[in-house]
Protein backbone atom coordinates (compact mmCIF):
# COMPACT_ATOMS: atom_id res chain seq x y z
CA MET A 1 109.66 108.27 81.72
CA GLU A 2 109.68 112.02 81.25
CA PRO A 3 106.62 114.02 82.30
CA ARG A 4 104.63 115.72 79.56
CA MET A 5 104.70 118.98 81.47
CA LEU A 6 105.62 120.36 84.87
CA LEU A 7 102.69 122.49 86.00
CA LYS A 8 104.86 124.27 88.57
CA GLU A 9 107.08 125.60 85.77
CA VAL A 10 104.47 126.16 83.06
CA ASN A 11 101.82 127.80 85.24
CA PRO A 12 103.21 128.75 88.66
CA ALA A 13 100.03 130.62 89.64
CA ALA A 14 97.86 127.54 89.11
CA PHE A 15 100.34 125.38 91.02
CA THR A 16 100.41 127.92 93.87
CA ALA A 17 96.60 127.87 94.02
CA MET A 18 96.64 124.09 94.46
CA VAL A 19 99.33 124.40 97.13
CA GLY A 20 97.07 126.95 98.85
CA LEU A 21 94.42 124.26 99.27
CA GLU A 22 97.06 122.00 100.83
CA LYS A 23 98.08 124.76 103.23
CA PHE A 24 94.44 125.19 104.23
CA LEU A 25 94.22 121.43 104.89
CA ASP A 26 97.41 121.52 106.97
CA GLY A 27 95.57 123.80 109.39
CA ALA A 28 92.31 121.87 109.29
CA SER A 29 90.98 120.03 112.33
CA LEU A 30 90.83 116.62 110.64
CA ASP A 31 93.19 113.94 111.87
CA LYS A 32 96.36 113.83 109.76
CA LYS A 33 96.27 110.03 109.38
CA LEU A 34 92.65 110.21 108.22
CA LYS A 35 93.60 112.82 105.62
CA GLU A 36 96.31 110.48 104.31
CA LEU A 37 93.88 107.54 104.16
CA VAL A 38 91.52 109.71 102.12
CA LYS A 39 94.34 110.74 99.78
CA ILE A 40 95.46 107.15 99.34
CA ARG A 41 91.95 105.85 98.69
CA ALA A 42 91.14 108.51 96.09
CA SER A 43 94.51 107.90 94.44
CA GLN A 44 93.79 104.16 94.31
CA LEU A 45 90.45 104.81 92.62
CA ASN A 46 92.08 107.19 90.14
CA ARG A 47 95.09 104.87 89.65
CA CYS A 48 97.55 107.68 90.31
CA ALA A 49 100.89 105.99 91.02
CA PHE A 50 102.65 109.29 91.72
CA CYS A 51 100.20 110.30 94.47
CA LEU A 52 100.04 106.76 95.87
CA GLN A 53 103.81 106.78 96.41
CA ILE A 54 103.71 110.18 98.12
CA HIS A 55 100.75 109.50 100.40
CA THR A 56 101.63 105.96 101.44
CA THR A 57 105.05 107.30 102.41
CA ASP A 58 103.48 110.21 104.30
CA ALA A 59 101.04 107.87 106.07
CA ARG A 60 103.89 105.65 107.24
CA LYS A 61 105.74 108.71 108.59
CA LEU A 62 102.62 109.51 110.65
CA GLY A 63 102.67 105.99 112.10
CA GLU A 64 100.02 104.41 109.89
CA SER A 65 100.30 100.62 109.89
CA GLU A 66 101.34 98.65 106.85
CA VAL A 67 98.33 96.35 107.12
CA ARG A 68 95.89 99.27 106.97
CA ILE A 69 97.70 100.78 103.99
CA TYR A 70 97.81 97.42 102.18
CA THR A 71 94.14 96.66 102.78
CA LEU A 72 92.75 100.14 102.21
CA ASN A 73 91.41 99.19 98.79
CA ALA A 74 89.32 96.49 100.54
CA TRP A 75 88.40 98.50 103.64
CA ARG A 76 84.82 97.21 103.67
CA GLU A 77 86.07 93.63 104.04
CA THR A 78 88.29 94.29 107.07
CA SER A 79 87.85 95.26 110.69
CA TYR A 80 90.90 97.56 110.62
CA PHE A 81 89.03 100.83 110.18
CA THR A 82 86.87 102.70 112.69
CA PRO A 83 83.26 103.67 111.93
CA GLN A 84 84.41 107.27 111.48
CA GLU A 85 87.16 106.23 109.04
CA ARG A 86 84.66 104.06 107.16
CA ALA A 87 82.32 107.02 106.80
CA ALA A 88 85.17 109.17 105.47
CA LEU A 89 86.27 106.46 103.04
CA ALA A 90 82.72 105.96 101.75
CA LEU A 91 82.41 109.71 101.21
CA THR A 92 85.80 109.73 99.49
CA GLU A 93 84.66 107.03 97.09
CA ALA A 94 81.34 108.73 96.38
CA VAL A 95 82.90 112.13 95.69
CA THR A 96 85.75 110.65 93.63
CA LEU A 97 83.29 108.62 91.54
CA VAL A 98 80.61 111.33 91.54
CA ALA A 99 79.76 110.82 87.85
CA SER A 100 78.62 107.25 88.62
CA ASN A 101 76.14 107.78 91.47
CA HIS A 102 76.49 111.37 92.63
CA VAL A 103 76.81 111.29 96.42
CA PRO A 104 74.05 109.08 97.82
CA ASP A 105 72.09 110.43 100.78
CA ASP A 106 72.99 107.45 102.97
CA VAL A 107 76.72 108.05 102.41
CA TYR A 108 76.42 111.72 103.34
CA GLU A 109 74.18 110.96 106.32
CA GLU A 110 76.68 108.41 107.66
CA ALA A 111 79.45 111.01 107.37
CA ALA A 112 77.22 113.50 109.21
CA ARG A 113 76.85 111.00 112.08
CA HIS A 114 80.61 111.00 112.60
CA PHE A 115 81.71 114.49 111.61
CA SER A 116 80.55 118.04 112.29
CA GLN A 117 79.59 120.21 109.33
CA GLN A 118 82.96 121.97 109.69
CA GLU A 119 84.75 118.62 109.54
CA ILE A 120 82.68 117.48 106.55
CA SER A 121 83.61 120.71 104.77
CA GLU A 122 87.29 120.02 105.45
CA LEU A 123 86.92 116.40 104.39
CA LEU A 124 85.24 117.52 101.18
CA ILE A 125 88.07 119.94 100.41
CA ALA A 126 90.62 117.17 101.10
CA ILE A 127 88.81 114.82 98.69
CA ILE A 128 88.47 117.49 96.00
CA THR A 129 92.11 118.52 96.38
CA ILE A 130 93.55 115.01 96.05
CA ASN A 131 91.31 114.37 93.06
CA GLY A 132 92.71 117.57 91.51
CA TRP A 133 96.29 116.49 92.19
CA ASN A 134 95.55 113.01 90.78
CA ARG A 135 94.24 114.54 87.59
CA ILE A 136 97.22 116.86 87.29
CA ALA A 137 99.73 114.06 87.89
CA ILE A 138 98.04 111.62 85.51
CA THR A 139 97.49 114.16 82.73
CA THR A 140 101.00 115.63 82.91
CA GLY A 141 102.61 112.19 83.10
CA LEU A 142 104.15 112.36 86.56
CA THR A 143 105.42 109.01 87.76
CA PRO A 144 106.97 108.01 91.07
CA PRO A 145 110.76 107.97 91.20
CA ALA A 146 112.39 104.62 90.44
C-alpha cells in the first residue's frame, strides 16, 4: 500500500519540528524502556500499525521482554508492570483518550506519587509526541514494511 503523502518530503519544516520533540525526549531523564512502553500503549489505543512496529522493535532492542510487550494492552490484568509503570500507562491512556474523560485527578495524582514534576512534564511530552506521530502515520497512510 502506498502512503497518501510523505510529510518529510511535503513539509520538511513540520517534520523537523516533530523530530525536535524526539530529540528533546532522547535527552530526557525518563527511562528509555518506559518511554517505549508509553509509545506502544498510545499506538495500541490509536491503532497505529506503523508506530507499533517501530516501537515494539525498539523496546526489544532495549531488552524489553516479549511477555510485557504482548500483554501491554492488558497491563491492568497482569503483575508484569511496576507501580511506576502502571501510573505512566494510566496517564498515557488518559491523555491519549482525553476527549472521553479529560485527565482524571486520581490518574494525575497517582503519576505525581511516582514521578517528579520534571518527569511528569517529560512523560506528558512523550505521550503528546507519540499521539502526534500516530495521527501523522494514520492520516498519511503509513504502514509497516511487509
